[in-house]
Structures are given as C-alpha cells and as structure tokens.
C-alpha cells in the first residue's frame, strides 16, 4: 500500500464500499471489545462479506490485539518504519 492508501484506511476514507463496510465492522469491534451493532453487521453482509469472511477478520483482529499487547509487555523494539501520520481535523495536511 502507498502511504496515501494507508492513511485513507486508517481514517476511514475508503472509496470502495465493500472494503469500507469491512473496516466499519473491524473498527466497531476494536472499539467495543468485539461487539458490533446489527446495523454494521448487516451493512457488511449486504456489501458481500460472508459470515465466514467476517469471522476470519475477527480472528485477525484478535491476533493483532494479542500480538500488540504482548510486544508491549515484553518491550519489543520495532524493526519496521512507523506508519505515516494521520492528519488531524482542522489541519492543512
């Protein structure tokens, strides 16, 4: 992904409606300890995501949270470049 695409995903500015629906489910799940509203879930399935695909996304989310927590716990030094900054509301970036 380009830095611009990465920022677009991180800020939810996705032109692809199907991908936007998946990201909405994952964001909601991440913020609400796995809980997703019926409306968000229905929007994702209406966008073409199967229950199996959404379940796989939840597994990936859980694995990501576990790895992030563990690497913080053991003070792992990252060997990857940092993500590009996300513009804040009201900024000119």
N, C-alpha and C. Protein backbone atom coordinates (compact mmCIF):
# COMPACT_ATOMS: atom_id res chain seq x y z
N UNK A 1 0.83 -1.18 0.00
CA UNK A 1 0.00 0.00 0.00
C UNK A 1 0.87 1.24 0.00
N UNK A 2 0.38 2.25 -0.64
CA UNK A 2 1.09 3.53 -0.63
C UNK A 2 0.82 4.22 0.71
N UNK A 3 1.65 5.18 1.08
CA UNK A 3 1.37 5.93 2.31
C UNK A 3 -0.02 6.58 2.28
N UNK A 4 -0.42 7.07 1.12
CA UNK A 4 -1.73 7.70 0.99
C UNK A 4 -2.86 6.69 1.23
N UNK A 5 -2.71 5.48 0.68
CA UNK A 5 -3.72 4.44 0.89
C UNK A 5 -3.78 4.03 2.36
N UNK A 6 -2.62 3.97 3.00
CA UNK A 6 -2.58 3.61 4.41
C UNK A 6 -3.33 4.64 5.25
N UNK A 7 -3.10 5.91 4.97
CA UNK A 7 -3.80 6.97 5.70
C UNK A 7 -5.29 6.89 5.42
N UNK A 8 -5.67 6.63 4.18
CA UNK A 8 -7.10 6.52 3.83
C UNK A 8 -7.78 5.41 4.62
N UNK A 9 -7.13 4.27 4.73
CA UNK A 9 -7.70 3.16 5.51
C UNK A 9 -7.79 3.54 6.98
N UNK A 10 -6.73 4.14 7.51
CA UNK A 10 -6.71 4.50 8.93
C UNK A 10 -7.74 5.56 9.29
N UNK A 11 -8.09 6.42 8.34
CA UNK A 11 -9.06 7.48 8.61
C UNK A 11 -10.46 7.12 8.14
N UNK A 12 -10.62 5.94 7.52
CA UNK A 12 -11.94 5.51 7.07
C UNK A 12 -12.41 6.20 5.80
N UNK A 13 -11.49 6.79 5.05
CA UNK A 13 -11.82 7.48 3.80
C UNK A 13 -11.63 6.53 2.63
N UNK A 14 -12.49 5.51 2.56
CA UNK A 14 -12.35 4.46 1.55
C UNK A 14 -13.42 4.62 0.48
N UNK A 15 -12.99 4.66 -0.78
CA UNK A 15 -13.95 4.79 -1.89
C UNK A 15 -14.66 3.47 -2.16
N UNK A 16 -14.02 2.35 -1.89
CA UNK A 16 -14.58 1.03 -2.13
C UNK A 16 -15.60 0.71 -1.03
N UNK A 17 -16.88 0.67 -1.39
CA UNK A 17 -17.95 0.47 -0.40
C UNK A 17 -17.83 -0.87 0.32
N UNK A 18 -17.40 -1.90 -0.39
CA UNK A 18 -17.27 -3.23 0.23
C UNK A 18 -16.18 -3.21 1.30
N UNK A 19 -15.03 -2.64 0.98
CA UNK A 19 -13.94 -2.55 1.94
C UNK A 19 -14.32 -1.64 3.10
N UNK A 20 -15.01 -0.55 2.82
CA UNK A 20 -15.45 0.36 3.87
C UNK A 20 -16.37 -0.35 4.86
N UNK A 21 -17.24 -1.23 4.37
CA UNK A 21 -18.13 -1.98 5.26
C UNK A 21 -17.34 -2.92 6.17
N UNK A 22 -16.33 -3.57 5.63
CA UNK A 22 -15.48 -4.45 6.45
C UNK A 22 -14.73 -3.63 7.50
N UNK A 23 -14.17 -2.51 7.09
CA UNK A 23 -13.44 -1.67 8.04
C UNK A 23 -14.35 -1.13 9.13
N UNK A 24 -15.60 -0.85 8.80
CA UNK A 24 -16.55 -0.38 9.82
C UNK A 24 -16.78 -1.47 10.87
N UNK A 25 -16.90 -2.72 10.43
CA UNK A 25 -17.08 -3.83 11.38
C UNK A 25 -15.85 -3.95 12.27
N UNK A 26 -14.67 -3.90 11.67
CA UNK A 26 -13.44 -4.08 12.45
C UNK A 26 -13.21 -2.92 13.41
N UNK A 27 -13.49 -1.71 12.98
CA UNK A 27 -13.33 -0.55 13.87
C UNK A 27 -14.28 -0.66 15.06
N UNK A 28 -15.52 -0.99 14.76
CA UNK A 28 -16.51 -1.10 15.83
C UNK A 28 -16.12 -2.22 16.80
N UNK A 29 -15.67 -3.34 16.26
CA UNK A 29 -15.25 -4.46 17.11
C UNK A 29 -14.06 -4.07 17.97
N UNK A 30 -13.11 -3.35 17.40
CA UNK A 30 -11.92 -2.95 18.14
C UNK A 30 -12.26 -1.98 19.26
N UNK A 31 -13.16 -1.06 19.01
CA UNK A 31 -13.52 -0.05 20.00
C UNK A 31 -14.43 -0.61 21.08
N UNK A 32 -15.25 -1.59 20.73
CA UNK A 32 -16.27 -2.11 21.65
C UNK A 32 -15.99 -3.53 22.13
N UNK A 33 -14.73 -3.87 22.30
CA UNK A 33 -14.31 -5.19 22.77
C UNK A 33 -15.07 -6.33 22.08
N UNK A 34 -15.10 -6.25 20.76
CA UNK A 34 -15.68 -7.33 19.96
C UNK A 34 -17.14 -7.17 19.60
N UNK A 35 -17.80 -6.21 20.18
CA UNK A 35 -19.23 -6.03 19.90
C UNK A 35 -19.43 -5.17 18.66
N UNK A 36 -20.37 -5.61 17.83
CA UNK A 36 -20.72 -4.90 16.60
C UNK A 36 -22.23 -4.81 16.53
N UNK A 37 -22.75 -3.66 16.17
CA UNK A 37 -24.20 -3.50 16.08
C UNK A 37 -24.75 -4.32 14.92
N UNK A 38 -26.02 -4.64 15.02
CA UNK A 38 -26.70 -5.37 13.95
C UNK A 38 -26.62 -4.59 12.65
N UNK A 39 -26.78 -3.26 12.72
CA UNK A 39 -26.76 -2.44 11.52
C UNK A 39 -25.41 -2.51 10.81
N UNK A 40 -24.31 -2.47 11.57
CA UNK A 40 -22.98 -2.53 10.97
C UNK A 40 -22.74 -3.90 10.37
N UNK A 41 -23.16 -4.95 11.09
CA UNK A 41 -23.02 -6.32 10.60
C UNK A 41 -23.84 -6.50 9.32
N UNK A 42 -25.07 -6.02 9.34
CA UNK A 42 -25.95 -6.16 8.16
C UNK A 42 -25.37 -5.41 6.96
N UNK A 43 -24.78 -4.25 7.20
CA UNK A 43 -24.18 -3.50 6.10
C UNK A 43 -23.02 -4.28 5.48
N UNK A 44 -22.25 -4.96 6.31
CA UNK A 44 -21.13 -5.75 5.81
C UNK A 44 -21.61 -6.95 5.00
N UNK A 45 -22.62 -7.63 5.50
CA UNK A 45 -23.13 -8.79 4.75
C UNK A 45 -23.82 -8.32 3.47
N UNK A 46 -24.49 -7.19 3.52
CA UNK A 46 -25.12 -6.64 2.31
C UNK A 46 -24.06 -6.23 1.28
N UNK A 47 -22.89 -5.85 1.76
CA UNK A 47 -21.79 -5.46 0.87
C UNK A 47 -21.10 -6.68 0.26
N UNK A 48 -21.51 -7.87 0.69
CA UNK A 48 -20.96 -9.09 0.09
C UNK A 48 -20.01 -9.89 0.94
N UNK A 49 -19.81 -9.50 2.20
CA UNK A 49 -18.94 -10.27 3.09
C UNK A 49 -19.74 -11.41 3.69
N UNK A 50 -19.19 -12.61 3.63
CA UNK A 50 -19.85 -13.77 4.22
C UNK A 50 -19.56 -13.82 5.71
N UNK A 51 -20.36 -14.61 6.42
CA UNK A 51 -20.12 -14.80 7.86
C UNK A 51 -18.73 -15.40 8.07
N UNK A 52 -18.33 -16.32 7.22
CA UNK A 52 -17.00 -16.93 7.35
C UNK A 52 -15.90 -15.89 7.16
N UNK A 53 -16.07 -14.99 6.19
CA UNK A 53 -15.06 -13.96 5.98
C UNK A 53 -15.00 -12.97 7.14
N UNK A 54 -16.16 -12.61 7.67
CA UNK A 54 -16.18 -11.70 8.82
C UNK A 54 -15.59 -12.38 10.05
N UNK A 55 -15.83 -13.67 10.20
CA UNK A 55 -15.24 -14.42 11.31
C UNK A 55 -13.72 -14.44 11.17
N UNK A 56 -13.23 -14.64 9.97
CA UNK A 56 -11.79 -14.62 9.73
C UNK A 56 -11.21 -13.24 10.07
N UNK A 57 -11.92 -12.19 9.73
CA UNK A 57 -11.47 -10.83 10.06
C UNK A 57 -11.40 -10.64 11.57
N UNK A 58 -12.39 -11.18 12.30
CA UNK A 58 -12.38 -11.10 13.76
C UNK A 58 -11.19 -11.85 14.34
N UNK A 59 -10.86 -13.00 13.77
CA UNK A 59 -9.70 -13.76 14.23
C UNK A 59 -8.43 -12.93 14.02
N UNK A 60 -8.34 -12.28 12.87
CA UNK A 60 -7.17 -11.44 12.60
C UNK A 60 -7.10 -10.28 13.59
N UNK A 61 -8.24 -9.67 13.88
CA UNK A 61 -8.28 -8.59 14.87
C UNK A 61 -7.81 -9.08 16.24
N UNK A 62 -8.31 -10.23 16.65
CA UNK A 62 -7.92 -10.78 17.95
C UNK A 62 -6.42 -11.08 17.99
N UNK A 63 -5.90 -11.65 16.92
CA UNK A 63 -4.47 -11.95 16.86
C UNK A 63 -3.64 -10.66 16.91
N UNK A 64 -4.09 -9.65 16.20
CA UNK A 64 -3.39 -8.36 16.18
C UNK A 64 -3.37 -7.75 17.58
N UNK A 65 -4.49 -7.77 18.26
CA UNK A 65 -4.55 -7.22 19.62
C UNK A 65 -3.61 -8.00 20.54
N UNK A 66 -3.64 -9.33 20.46
CA UNK A 66 -2.78 -10.16 21.29
C UNK A 66 -1.31 -9.84 21.04
N UNK A 67 -0.92 -9.80 19.77
CA UNK A 67 0.48 -9.54 19.44
C UNK A 67 0.89 -8.14 19.90
N UNK A 68 0.03 -7.15 19.67
CA UNK A 68 0.35 -5.79 20.13
C UNK A 68 0.53 -5.74 21.64
N UNK A 69 -0.39 -6.35 22.37
CA UNK A 69 -0.27 -6.35 23.82
C UNK A 69 1.00 -7.07 24.26
N UNK A 70 1.29 -8.21 23.65
CA UNK A 70 2.45 -8.98 24.05
C UNK A 70 3.74 -8.23 23.74
N UNK A 71 3.82 -7.61 22.55
CA UNK A 71 5.05 -6.89 22.22
C UNK A 71 5.25 -5.69 23.14
N UNK A 72 4.16 -5.08 23.59
CA UNK A 72 4.30 -4.01 24.58
C UNK A 72 4.76 -4.58 25.92
N UNK A 73 4.21 -5.71 26.30
CA UNK A 73 4.55 -6.35 27.57
C UNK A 73 6.04 -6.68 27.65
N UNK A 74 6.58 -7.23 26.56
CA UNK A 74 7.99 -7.64 26.57
C UNK A 74 8.93 -6.55 26.04
N UNK A 75 8.38 -5.36 25.79
CA UNK A 75 9.17 -4.22 25.34
C UNK A 75 9.96 -4.52 24.06
N UNK A 76 9.26 -5.09 23.09
CA UNK A 76 9.89 -5.42 21.82
C UNK A 76 10.20 -4.15 21.04
N UNK A 77 11.42 -4.07 20.55
CA UNK A 77 11.80 -2.94 19.72
C UNK A 77 11.33 -3.22 18.29
N UNK A 78 10.60 -2.28 17.72
CA UNK A 78 10.08 -2.46 16.36
C UNK A 78 11.19 -2.29 15.34
N UNK A 79 11.15 -3.11 14.30
CA UNK A 79 12.15 -3.01 13.24
C UNK A 79 11.47 -2.71 11.90
N UNK A 80 10.34 -2.01 11.97
CA UNK A 80 9.62 -1.59 10.77
C UNK A 80 9.45 -0.07 10.84
N UNK A 81 9.31 0.56 9.68
CA UNK A 81 9.12 2.01 9.73
C UNK A 81 7.76 2.36 10.34
N UNK A 82 7.67 3.49 10.98
CA UNK A 82 6.38 3.89 11.57
C UNK A 82 5.37 4.19 10.47
N UNK A 83 4.11 4.03 10.80
CA UNK A 83 3.04 4.35 9.86
C UNK A 83 3.05 5.85 9.60
N UNK A 84 2.62 6.24 8.41
CA UNK A 84 2.57 7.69 8.14
C UNK A 84 1.58 8.37 9.07
N UNK A 85 1.83 9.62 9.41
CA UNK A 85 0.92 10.31 10.33
C UNK A 85 -0.46 10.51 9.70
N UNK A 86 -1.46 10.50 10.54
CA UNK A 86 -2.83 10.73 10.10
C UNK A 86 -3.15 12.20 10.36
N UNK A 87 -3.60 12.92 9.34
CA UNK A 87 -3.94 14.34 9.54
C UNK A 87 -5.05 14.48 10.58
N UNK A 88 -4.92 15.46 11.41
CA UNK A 88 -5.95 15.74 12.41
C UNK A 88 -6.98 16.69 11.82
N UNK A 89 -8.19 16.62 12.35
CA UNK A 89 -9.25 17.51 11.88
C UNK A 89 -8.79 18.95 12.01
N UNK A 90 -9.07 19.72 10.98
CA UNK A 90 -8.72 21.12 11.02
C UNK A 90 -7.30 21.43 10.56
N UNK A 91 -6.49 20.38 10.31
CA UNK A 91 -5.13 20.64 9.85
C UNK A 91 -5.14 20.84 8.33
N UNK A 92 -4.09 21.40 7.83
CA UNK A 92 -3.99 21.66 6.39
C UNK A 92 -3.25 20.57 5.65
N UNK A 93 -2.96 19.46 6.29
CA UNK A 93 -2.22 18.38 5.62
C UNK A 93 -3.09 17.62 4.69
